[in-house]
Amino acid sequence: MTVKLIVIDLDETLLRKDKSYDVERFNHALQTLKNRDVLVCIATGNSYHKIIDYFSQEDQKDLYFACDNGNFIVKNNEELSTTTVDRETLYNIASFVDEFEGFHIMVNTGNQAYFRETKGEAFEHISQYNNALAYIEKFEDLPEGEKPTKLAIYSTHSLDRNKIMTRILKERFEDIDSVTSGDGWLDVYAKDGGKGIAVRKLQAKYNIKKEDTMAFGDSLNDESMMKEAHYNIAMGNADHDLLLSTTYQIGTNEDSSVINLLEELLSNDSMEFMNKYLIHNKR
């Protein structure tokens, strides 16, 4: 086995639809990987304050977290890297998006999230993803010391409509990137941010090559990290457009396919077993 870094998306990838996963099996794989000096990173659109819902304090010591879509990197409660959105750009994006119905903006700052609503369907949905959600009347009132890592936009529209909005935002605001995520989300962050940049930072820190990196994902917010991993693996439930950036595809999140492959990885001395997951072999 030559893999030295494994990066795993959370929602619709490791987690089932009900936000559960096989904790005992994952923990066993995680400890075995640690004993073999393999780094494991959870790269997620979730904020760090939400991670405690899914991983024990012991697990958190062994995992890297590239939260807020890779823009807030944490290990063992220590902030390692933060990529921020320019405040003036943030205000301009919020003003523009507010012109459209059905888009609800939240601003993440690593350890805190800010939302301009206190009730309703959007508030209830967003509350599921945040343990540190504060009301703010307007984003210009963000506390001075807070560093905006991304705008997370909850949409009531279709995935196709959300993809159109991400394209519009990227064309209109040159300093940002915008991607669709799972469960009705769009994410906006600095152009020099995202999950791919987070993977590159870990690779540089530990002198790990792309050829020794494995990544799992399901949505277009995972696309940038797929490009940084030789073993780029789409879920069976992945957005079809993500397959354009991936070489491999496994089963769905409901079938614990990430954990299944990790166990298979640990039981093989070579990477030849991956050949059966090649996308072109499935067509």
C-alpha atoms as a PDB file:
ATOM      1  CA  MET A   1       0.000   0.000   0.000  1.00  0.00           C
ATOM      2  CA  THR A   2       1.473   3.344  -1.051  1.00  0.00           C
ATOM      3  CA  VAL A   3      -1.308   5.666   0.093  1.00  0.00           C
ATOM      4  CA  LYS A   4      -0.077   8.215   2.644  1.00  0.00           C
ATOM      5  CA  LEU A   5      -2.978  10.693   2.756  1.00  0.00           C
ATOM      6  CA  ILE A   6      -6.703   9.903   2.679  1.00  0.00           C
ATOM      7  CA  VAL A   7      -9.224  12.731   2.380  1.00  0.00           C
ATOM      8  CA  ILE A   8     -12.909  11.989   2.995  1.00  0.00           C
ATOM      9  CA  ASP A   9     -15.950  14.170   2.431  1.00  0.00           C
ATOM     10  CA  LEU A  10     -18.618  13.905   5.127  1.00  0.00           C
ATOM     11  CA  ASP A  11     -22.250  14.383   4.020  1.00  0.00           C
ATOM     12  CA  GLU A  12     -23.461  11.850   1.442  1.00  0.00           C
ATOM     13  CA  THR A  13     -19.977  10.263   1.435  1.00  0.00           C
ATOM     14  CA  LEU A  14     -18.970   8.911   4.849  1.00  0.00           C
ATOM     15  CA  LEU A  15     -22.341   9.725   6.385  1.00  0.00           C
ATOM     16  CA  ARG A  16     -25.591   8.050   5.445  1.00  0.00           C
ATOM     17  CA  LYS A  17     -28.632  10.168   4.732  1.00  0.00           C
ATOM     18  CA  ASP A  18     -29.587  10.012   8.413  1.00  0.00           C
ATOM     19  CA  LYS A  19     -26.113  11.379   9.327  1.00  0.00           C
ATOM     20  CA  SER A  20     -24.962   8.075  10.797  1.00  0.00           C
ATOM     21  CA  TYR A  21     -22.002   5.853   9.939  1.00  0.00           C
ATOM     22  CA  ASP A  22     -20.483   2.645  11.263  1.00  0.00           C
ATOM     23  CA  VAL A  23     -18.415   4.218  14.032  1.00  0.00           C
ATOM     24  CA  GLU A  24     -16.764   1.024  15.274  1.00  0.00           C
ATOM     25  CA  ARG A  25     -15.599  -0.058  11.818  1.00  0.00           C
ATOM     26  CA  PHE A  26     -14.373   3.418  10.929  1.00  0.00           C
ATOM     27  CA  ASN A  27     -12.489   3.760  14.214  1.00  0.00           C
ATOM     28  CA  HIS A  28     -10.767   0.436  13.659  1.00  0.00           C
ATOM     29  CA  ALA A  29      -9.711   1.461  10.152  1.00  0.00           C
ATOM     30  CA  LEU A  30      -8.584   4.872  11.426  1.00  0.00           C
ATOM     31  CA  GLN A  31      -6.357   3.360  14.113  1.00  0.00           C
ATOM     32  CA  THR A  32      -4.839   0.889  11.668  1.00  0.00           C
ATOM     33  CA  LEU A  33      -4.117   3.686   9.203  1.00  0.00           C
ATOM     34  CA  LYS A  34      -2.552   5.745  11.994  1.00  0.00           C
ATOM     35  CA  ASN A  35      -0.324   2.825  12.936  1.00  0.00           C
ATOM     36  CA  ARG A  36       0.832   2.690   9.305  1.00  0.00           C
ATOM     37  CA  ASP A  37       1.589   6.437   9.290  1.00  0.00           C
ATOM     38  CA  VAL A  38      -1.273   7.283   6.941  1.00  0.00           C
ATOM     39  CA  LEU A  39      -2.848  10.719   7.485  1.00  0.00           C
ATOM     40  CA  VAL A  40      -6.635  10.975   7.390  1.00  0.00           C
ATOM     41  CA  CYS A  41      -8.440  14.255   6.756  1.00  0.00           C
ATOM     42  CA  ILE A  42     -12.168  14.966   6.838  1.00  0.00           C
ATOM     43  CA  ALA A  43     -12.791  17.625   4.182  1.00  0.00           C
ATOM     44  CA  THR A  44     -16.270  18.990   4.711  1.00  0.00           C
ATOM     45  CA  GLY A  45     -18.550  21.925   4.162  1.00  0.00           C
ATOM     46  CA  ASN A  46     -19.481  21.591   7.831  1.00  0.00           C
ATOM     47  CA  SER A  47     -18.015  24.034  10.320  1.00  0.00           C
ATOM     48  CA  TYR A  48     -15.648  22.836  13.006  1.00  0.00           C
ATOM     49  CA  HIS A  49     -18.197  23.356  15.775  1.00  0.00           C
ATOM     50  CA  LYS A  50     -20.439  20.767  14.094  1.00  0.00           C
ATOM     51  CA  ILE A  51     -17.734  18.074  13.891  1.00  0.00           C
ATOM     52  CA  ILE A  52     -18.208  17.119  17.546  1.00  0.00           C
ATOM     53  CA  ASP A  53     -21.552  15.587  16.563  1.00  0.00           C
ATOM     54  CA  TYR A  54     -19.788  12.948  14.469  1.00  0.00           C
ATOM     55  CA  PHE A  55     -16.385  12.228  16.020  1.00  0.00           C
ATOM     56  CA  SER A  56     -15.291  11.558  19.578  1.00  0.00           C
ATOM     57  CA  GLN A  57     -12.581  13.616  21.233  1.00  0.00           C
ATOM     58  CA  GLU A  58     -10.191  10.689  20.781  1.00  0.00           C
ATOM     59  CA  ASP A  59     -10.920  10.529  17.057  1.00  0.00           C
ATOM     60  CA  GLN A  60     -10.490  14.272  16.753  1.00  0.00           C
ATOM     61  CA  LYS A  61      -6.904  13.903  17.986  1.00  0.00           C
ATOM     62  CA  ASP A  62      -6.089  11.594  15.076  1.00  0.00           C
ATOM     63  CA  LEU A  63      -7.931  13.405  12.295  1.00  0.00           C
ATOM     64  CA  TYR A  64      -7.266  16.532  10.317  1.00  0.00           C
ATOM     65  CA  PHE A  65     -10.371  18.586   9.578  1.00  0.00           C
ATOM     66  CA  ALA A  66     -10.565  20.788   6.488  1.00  0.00           C
ATOM     67  CA  CYS A  67     -13.817  22.495   7.495  1.00  0.00           C
ATOM     68  CA  ASP A  68     -15.868  25.179   5.760  1.00  0.00           C
ATOM     69  CA  ASN A  69     -14.985  23.518   2.460  1.00  0.00           C
ATOM     70  CA  GLY A  70     -11.277  23.368   3.239  1.00  0.00           C
ATOM     71  CA  ASN A  71     -10.940  26.979   4.334  1.00  0.00           C
ATOM     72  CA  PHE A  72     -10.520  26.286   8.068  1.00  0.00           C
ATOM     73  CA  ILE A  73      -8.002  23.526   8.777  1.00  0.00           C
ATOM     74  CA  VAL A  74      -7.830  22.152  12.320  1.00  0.00           C
ATOM     75  CA  LYS A  75      -5.933  19.361  14.063  1.00  0.00           C
ATOM     76  CA  ASN A  76      -6.470  18.471  17.730  1.00  0.00           C
ATOM     77  CA  ASN A  77      -8.322  21.758  18.374  1.00  0.00           C
ATOM     78  CA  GLU A  78      -5.477  23.819  16.893  1.00  0.00           C
ATOM     79  CA  GLU A  79      -6.198  26.125  13.969  1.00  0.00           C
ATOM     80  CA  LEU A  80      -3.580  25.413  11.306  1.00  0.00           C
ATOM     81  CA  SER A  81      -4.796  27.489   8.364  1.00  0.00           C
ATOM     82  CA  THR A  82      -7.605  29.898   7.528  1.00  0.00           C
ATOM     83  CA  THR A  83      -8.502  31.227   4.082  1.00  0.00           C
ATOM     84  CA  THR A  84     -10.833  34.211   4.205  1.00  0.00           C
ATOM     85  CA  VAL A  85     -13.256  36.029   1.936  1.00  0.00           C
ATOM     86  CA  ASP A  86     -12.653  39.761   1.544  1.00  0.00           C
ATOM     87  CA  ARG A  87     -15.316  41.565   3.559  1.00  0.00           C
ATOM     88  CA  GLU A  88     -16.254  44.032   0.832  1.00  0.00           C
ATOM     89  CA  THR A  89     -16.652  41.142  -1.595  1.00  0.00           C
ATOM     90  CA  LEU A  90     -18.805  39.344   0.973  1.00  0.00           C
ATOM     91  CA  TYR A  91     -21.122  42.338   1.319  1.00  0.00           C
ATOM     92  CA  ASN A  92     -21.418  42.727  -2.451  1.00  0.00           C
ATOM     93  CA  ILE A  93     -22.213  39.037  -2.964  1.00  0.00           C
ATOM     94  CA  ALA A  94     -24.851  39.107  -0.242  1.00  0.00           C
ATOM     95  CA  SER A  95     -26.449  42.187  -1.786  1.00  0.00           C
ATOM     96  CA  PHE A  96     -26.530  40.517  -5.203  1.00  0.00           C
ATOM     97  CA  VAL A  97     -27.899  37.158  -4.011  1.00  0.00           C
ATOM     98  CA  ASP A  98     -30.581  38.933  -1.988  1.00  0.00           C
ATOM     99  CA  GLU A  99     -32.134  40.009  -5.296  1.00  0.00           C
ATOM    100  CA  PHE A 100     -33.215  36.409  -5.928  1.00  0.00           C
ATOM    101  CA  GLU A 101     -35.925  34.465  -4.106  1.00  0.00           C
ATOM    102  CA  GLY A 102     -35.144  31.154  -2.421  1.00  0.00           C
ATOM    103  CA  PHE A 103     -31.494  31.749  -1.472  1.00  0.00           C
ATOM    104  CA  HIS A 104     -30.648  32.084   2.223  1.00  0.00           C
ATOM    105  CA  ILE A 105     -27.130  33.233   3.117  1.00  0.00           C
ATOM    106  CA  MET A 106     -25.086  32.175   6.120  1.00  0.00           C
ATOM    107  CA  VAL A 107     -21.558  33.409   6.807  1.00  0.00           C
ATOM    108  CA  ASN A 108     -19.086  31.030   8.434  1.00  0.00           C
ATOM    109  CA  THR A 109     -16.057  32.217  10.395  1.00  0.00           C
ATOM    110  CA  GLY A 110     -14.483  28.947  11.472  1.00  0.00           C
ATOM    111  CA  ASN A 111     -15.844  28.645  14.996  1.00  0.00           C
ATOM    112  CA  GLN A 112     -19.059  30.608  14.455  1.00  0.00           C
ATOM    113  CA  ALA A 113     -21.848  30.982  11.893  1.00  0.00           C
ATOM    114  CA  TYR A 114     -24.060  34.030  11.307  1.00  0.00           C
ATOM    115  CA  PHE A 115     -27.573  34.034   9.839  1.00  0.00           C
ATOM    116  CA  ARG A 116     -30.122  36.797   9.310  1.00  0.00           C
ATOM    117  CA  GLU A 117     -33.203  34.735  10.155  1.00  0.00           C
ATOM    118  CA  THR A 118     -34.459  33.282  13.430  1.00  0.00           C
ATOM    119  CA  LYS A 119     -37.351  31.124  12.260  1.00  0.00           C
ATOM    120  CA  GLY A 120     -38.815  29.424   9.217  1.00  0.00           C
ATOM    121  CA  GLU A 121     -37.889  26.461   7.021  1.00  0.00           C
ATOM    122  CA  ALA A 122     -34.479  27.814   6.040  1.00  0.00           C
ATOM    123  CA  PHE A 123     -33.579  28.521   9.667  1.00  0.00           C
ATOM    124  CA  GLU A 124     -34.622  25.015  10.700  1.00  0.00           C
ATOM    125  CA  HIS A 125     -32.576  23.479   7.890  1.00  0.00           C
ATOM    126  CA  ILE A 126     -29.478  25.542   8.591  1.00  0.00           C
ATOM    127  CA  SER A 127     -29.708  24.852  12.323  1.00  0.00           C
ATOM    128  CA  GLN A 128     -29.158  21.148  11.618  1.00  0.00           C
ATOM    129  CA  TYR A 129     -25.668  21.963  10.362  1.00  0.00           C
ATOM    130  CA  ASN A 130     -24.564  24.388  13.053  1.00  0.00           C
ATOM    131  CA  ASN A 131     -23.910  24.200  16.770  1.00  0.00           C
ATOM    132  CA  ALA A 132     -22.796  27.842  16.948  1.00  0.00           C
ATOM    133  CA  LEU A 133     -25.366  29.843  14.992  1.00  0.00           C
ATOM    134  CA  ALA A 134     -25.839  33.520  15.836  1.00  0.00           C
ATOM    135  CA  TYR A 135     -28.371  36.010  14.553  1.00  0.00           C
ATOM    136  CA  ILE A 136     -27.057  39.056  12.732  1.00  0.00           C
ATOM    137  CA  GLU A 137     -29.195  41.816  11.211  1.00  0.00           C
ATOM    138  CA  LYS A 138     -26.773  42.565   8.385  1.00  0.00           C
ATOM    139  CA  PHE A 139     -23.385  41.102   7.507  1.00  0.00           C
ATOM    140  CA  GLU A 140     -21.732  44.508   7.773  1.00  0.00           C
ATOM    141  CA  ASP A 141     -22.183  44.005  11.537  1.00  0.00           C
ATOM    142  CA  LEU A 142     -19.833  41.001  11.668  1.00  0.00           C
ATOM    143  CA  PRO A 143     -17.544  41.429  14.695  1.00  0.00           C
ATOM    144  CA  GLU A 144     -14.197  42.967  13.799  1.00  0.00           C
ATOM    145  CA  GLY A 145     -12.126  39.962  14.841  1.00  0.00           C
ATOM    146  CA  GLU A 146     -14.115  37.395  12.884  1.00  0.00           C
ATOM    147  CA  LYS A 147     -12.565  35.973   9.691  1.00  0.00           C
ATOM    148  CA  PRO A 148     -15.180  34.984   7.080  1.00  0.00           C
ATOM    149  CA  THR A 149     -14.200  31.616   5.626  1.00  0.00           C
ATOM    150  CA  LYS A 150     -17.163  31.176   3.298  1.00  0.00           C
ATOM    151  CA  LEU A 151     -20.728  32.085   2.458  1.00  0.00           C
ATOM    152  CA  ALA A 152     -22.929  29.012   2.738  1.00  0.00           C
ATOM    153  CA  ILE A 153     -26.118  29.573   0.777  1.00  0.00           C
ATOM    154  CA  TYR A 154     -29.097  27.322   1.417  1.00  0.00           C
ATOM    155  CA  SER A 155     -31.288  27.119  -1.677  1.00  0.00           C
ATOM    156  CA  THR A 156     -34.847  25.914  -2.153  1.00  0.00           C
ATOM    157  CA  HIS A 157     -34.204  25.497  -5.888  1.00  0.00           C
ATOM    158  CA  SER A 158     -33.144  22.485  -7.950  1.00  0.00           C
ATOM    159  CA  LEU A 159     -29.523  21.375  -8.298  1.00  0.00           C
ATOM    160  CA  ASP A 160     -29.496  22.572 -11.913  1.00  0.00           C
ATOM    161  CA  ARG A 161     -30.709  26.021 -10.858  1.00  0.00           C
ATOM    162  CA  ASN A 162     -28.059  26.120  -8.144  1.00  0.00           C
ATOM    163  CA  LYS A 163     -25.355  25.273 -10.686  1.00  0.00           C
ATOM    164  CA  ILE A 164     -26.489  28.201 -12.793  1.00  0.00           C
ATOM    165  CA  MET A 165     -26.208  30.488  -9.783  1.00  0.00           C
ATOM    166  CA  THR A 166     -22.659  29.288  -9.039  1.00  0.00           C
ATOM    167  CA  ARG A 167     -21.665  30.104 -12.625  1.00  0.00           C
ATOM    168  CA  ILE A 168     -23.229  33.561 -12.386  1.00  0.00           C
ATOM    169  CA  LEU A 169     -21.393  34.288  -9.126  1.00  0.00           C
ATOM    170  CA  LYS A 170     -18.031  33.200 -10.543  1.00  0.00           C
ATOM    171  CA  GLU A 171     -18.519  35.386 -13.613  1.00  0.00           C
ATOM    172  CA  ARG A 172     -19.630  38.403 -11.612  1.00  0.00           C
ATOM    173  CA  PHE A 173     -17.077  38.211  -8.752  1.00  0.00           C
ATOM    174  CA  GLU A 174     -13.592  37.369  -9.990  1.00  0.00           C
ATOM    175  CA  ASP A 175     -11.981  36.890  -6.567  1.00  0.00           C
ATOM    176  CA  ILE A 176     -14.188  33.989  -5.480  1.00  0.00           C
ATOM    177  CA  ASP A 177     -15.042  30.437  -6.350  1.00  0.00           C
ATOM    178  CA  SER A 178     -18.545  29.017  -6.049  1.00  0.00           C
ATOM    179  CA  VAL A 179     -19.648  25.386  -6.023  1.00  0.00           C
ATOM    180  CA  THR A 180     -22.737  23.323  -5.329  1.00  0.00           C
ATOM    181  CA  SER A 181     -22.718  21.046  -2.334  1.00  0.00           C
ATOM    182  CA  GLY A 182     -25.151  18.438  -1.060  1.00  0.00           C
ATOM    183  CA  ASP A 183     -28.621  18.918   0.398  1.00  0.00           C
ATOM    184  CA  GLY A 184     -29.438  22.194  -1.351  1.00  0.00           C
ATOM    185  CA  TRP A 185     -26.279  24.139  -0.551  1.00  0.00           C
ATOM    186  CA  LEU A 186     -24.078  26.485  -2.563  1.00  0.00           C
ATOM    187  CA  ASP A 187     -20.726  27.542  -1.142  1.00  0.00           C
ATOM    188  CA  VAL A 188     -18.797  30.707  -1.971  1.00  0.00           C
ATOM    189  CA  TYR A 189     -15.209  31.213  -0.827  1.00  0.00           C
ATOM    190  CA  ALA A 190     -11.969  32.912  -1.828  1.00  0.00           C
ATOM    191  CA  LYS A 191     -10.466  31.843  -5.135  1.00  0.00           C
ATOM    192  CA  ASP A 192      -7.332  30.621  -3.352  1.00  0.00           C
ATOM    193  CA  GLY A 193      -9.419  28.432  -1.030  1.00  0.00           C
ATOM    194  CA  GLY A 194     -11.404  25.212  -1.247  1.00  0.00           C
ATOM    195  CA  LYS A 195     -10.812  21.559  -0.510  1.00  0.00           C
ATOM    196  CA  GLY A 196      -8.162  21.195  -3.202  1.00  0.00           C
ATOM    197  CA  ILE A 197      -5.993  23.886  -1.631  1.00  0.00           C
ATOM    198  CA  ALA A 198      -6.407  22.221   1.768  1.00  0.00           C
ATOM    199  CA  VAL A 199      -5.174  18.915   0.327  1.00  0.00           C
ATOM    200  CA  ARG A 200      -2.191  20.647  -1.253  1.00  0.00           C
ATOM    201  CA  LYS A 201      -1.301  22.265   2.072  1.00  0.00           C
ATOM    202  CA  LEU A 202      -1.251  18.882   3.810  1.00  0.00           C
ATOM    203  CA  GLN A 203       0.736  17.351   0.962  1.00  0.00           C
ATOM    204  CA  ALA A 204       3.311  20.139   1.213  1.00  0.00           C
ATOM    205  CA  LYS A 205       3.497  19.957   5.007  1.00  0.00           C
ATOM    206  CA  TYR A 206       4.239  16.219   4.992  1.00  0.00           C
ATOM    207  CA  ASN A 207       5.961  15.912   1.603  1.00  0.00           C
ATOM    208  CA  ILE A 208       3.208  13.661   0.248  1.00  0.00           C
ATOM    209  CA  LYS A 209       2.804  13.254  -3.501  1.00  0.00           C
ATOM    210  CA  LYS A 210      -0.416  13.335  -5.482  1.00  0.00           C
ATOM    211  CA  GLU A 211       0.320   9.707  -6.407  1.00  0.00           C
ATOM    212  CA  ASP A 212       0.072   8.764  -2.722  1.00  0.00           C
ATOM    213  CA  THR A 213      -3.205  10.591  -2.064  1.00  0.00           C
ATOM    214  CA  MET A 214      -6.730   9.155  -2.007  1.00  0.00           C
ATOM    215  CA  ALA A 215      -9.931  11.230  -1.911  1.00  0.00           C
ATOM    216  CA  PHE A 216     -13.625  10.356  -1.588  1.00  0.00           C
ATOM    217  CA  GLY A 217     -16.492  12.687  -2.524  1.00  0.00           C
ATOM    218  CA  ASP A 218     -19.968  13.082  -3.987  1.00  0.00           C
ATOM    219  CA  SER A 219     -20.530  16.742  -4.932  1.00  0.00           C
ATOM    220  CA  LEU A 220     -18.917  19.452  -7.027  1.00  0.00           C
ATOM    221  CA  ASN A 221     -17.443  21.033  -3.904  1.00  0.00           C
ATOM    222  CA  ASP A 222     -15.207  17.926  -3.888  1.00  0.00           C
ATOM    223  CA  GLU A 223     -14.006  18.471  -7.448  1.00  0.00           C
ATOM    224  CA  SER A 224     -10.943  20.541  -6.553  1.00  0.00           C
ATOM    225  CA  MET A 225      -9.618  17.913  -4.136  1.00  0.00           C
ATOM    226  CA  MET A 226     -10.191  15.143  -6.674  1.00  0.00           C
ATOM    227  CA  LYS A 227      -7.670  16.872  -8.923  1.00  0.00           C
ATOM    228  CA  GLU A 228      -5.050  16.648  -6.152  1.00  0.00           C
ATOM    229  CA  ALA A 229      -5.451  12.891  -5.582  1.00  0.00           C
ATOM    230  CA  HIS A 230      -4.337  10.082  -7.866  1.00  0.00           C
ATOM    231  CA  TYR A 231      -6.956   7.814  -6.302  1.00  0.00           C
ATOM    232  CA  ASN A 232      -9.928  10.146  -6.791  1.00  0.00           C
ATOM    233  CA  ILE A 233     -13.079   8.237  -5.931  1.00  0.00           C
ATOM    234  CA  ALA A 234     -16.669   9.255  -6.578  1.00  0.00           C
ATOM    235  CA  MET A 235     -19.513   7.759  -4.625  1.00  0.00           C
ATOM    236  CA  GLY A 236     -22.227   5.746  -6.359  1.00  0.00           C
ATOM    237  CA  ASN A 237     -24.622   8.527  -5.390  1.00  0.00           C
ATOM    238  CA  ALA A 238     -22.329  11.288  -6.709  1.00  0.00           C
ATOM    239  CA  ASP A 239     -23.363  14.251  -8.828  1.00  0.00           C
ATOM    240  CA  HIS A 240     -22.946  13.079 -12.418  1.00  0.00           C
ATOM    241  CA  ASP A 241     -20.788  16.123 -13.225  1.00  0.00           C
ATOM    242  CA  LEU A 242     -18.265  15.078 -10.568  1.00  0.00           C
ATOM    243  CA  LEU A 243     -17.535  11.914 -12.561  1.00  0.00           C
ATOM    244  CA  LEU A 244     -15.843  14.106 -15.168  1.00  0.00           C
ATOM    245  CA  SER A 245     -13.083  14.729 -12.595  1.00  0.00           C
ATOM    246  CA  THR A 246     -12.789  11.243 -11.126  1.00  0.00           C
ATOM    247  CA  THR A 247     -11.137   8.019 -12.168  1.00  0.00           C
ATOM    248  CA  TYR A 248     -12.830   5.624  -9.767  1.00  0.00           C
ATOM    249  CA  GLN A 249     -16.351   5.047  -8.471  1.00  0.00           C
ATOM    250  CA  ILE A 250     -17.528   2.881  -5.586  1.00  0.00           C
ATOM    251  CA  GLY A 251     -20.944   2.176  -4.040  1.00  0.00           C
ATOM    252  CA  THR A 252     -23.189   4.589  -2.209  1.00  0.00           C
ATOM    253  CA  ASN A 253     -22.930   6.223   1.179  1.00  0.00           C
ATOM    254  CA  GLU A 254     -25.896   4.162   2.368  1.00  0.00           C
ATOM    255  CA  ASP A 255     -23.819   1.006   1.851  1.00  0.00           C
ATOM    256  CA  SER A 256     -20.843   2.262   3.924  1.00  0.00           C
ATOM    257  CA  SER A 257     -18.772   2.120   0.751  1.00  0.00           C
ATOM    258  CA  VAL A 258     -15.995   4.391   2.049  1.00  0.00           C
ATOM    259  CA  ILE A 259     -15.388   2.143   5.047  1.00  0.00           C
ATOM    260  CA  ASN A 260     -15.618  -0.945   2.835  1.00  0.00           C
ATOM    261  CA  LEU A 261     -12.859   0.389   0.608  1.00  0.00           C
ATOM    262  CA  LEU A 262     -10.672   1.450   3.537  1.00  0.00           C
ATOM    263  CA  GLU A 263     -10.873  -2.090   4.893  1.00  0.00           C
ATOM    264  CA  GLU A 264     -10.043  -3.457   1.453  1.00  0.00           C
ATOM    265  CA  LEU A 265      -7.112  -1.055   1.203  1.00  0.00           C
ATOM    266  CA  LEU A 266      -5.730  -2.250   4.533  1.00  0.00           C
ATOM    267  CA  SER A 267      -5.963  -5.901   3.531  1.00  0.00           C
ATOM    268  CA  ASN A 268      -4.037  -5.493   0.252  1.00  0.00           C
ATOM    269  CA  ASP A 269      -0.291  -5.115  -0.254  1.00  0.00           C
ATOM    270  CA  SER A 270      -0.683  -3.446  -3.653  1.00  0.00           C
ATOM    271  CA  MET A 271      -3.143  -1.069  -5.264  1.00  0.00           C
ATOM    272  CA  GLU A 272      -4.123  -3.425  -8.081  1.00  0.00           C
ATOM    273  CA  PHE A 273      -7.457  -4.099  -6.400  1.00  0.00           C
ATOM    274  CA  MET A 274      -8.504  -0.552  -7.340  1.00  0.00           C
ATOM    275  CA  ASN A 275      -8.710  -1.538 -11.004  1.00  0.00           C
ATOM    276  CA  LYS A 276     -12.186  -2.955 -10.543  1.00  0.00           C
ATOM    277  CA  TYR A 277     -13.416   0.496  -9.471  1.00  0.00           C
ATOM    278  CA  LEU A 278     -12.156   2.273 -12.583  1.00  0.00           C
ATOM    279  CA  ILE A 279     -15.034   4.180 -14.103  1.00  0.00           C
ATOM    280  CA  HIS A 280     -14.193   3.149 -17.665  1.00  0.00           C
ATOM    281  CA  ASN A 281     -14.500  -0.493 -16.591  1.00  0.00           C
ATOM    282  CA  LYS A 282     -18.077   0.169 -15.522  1.00  0.00           C
ATOM    283  CA  ARG A 283     -19.205   1.534 -18.885  1.00  0.00           C
END
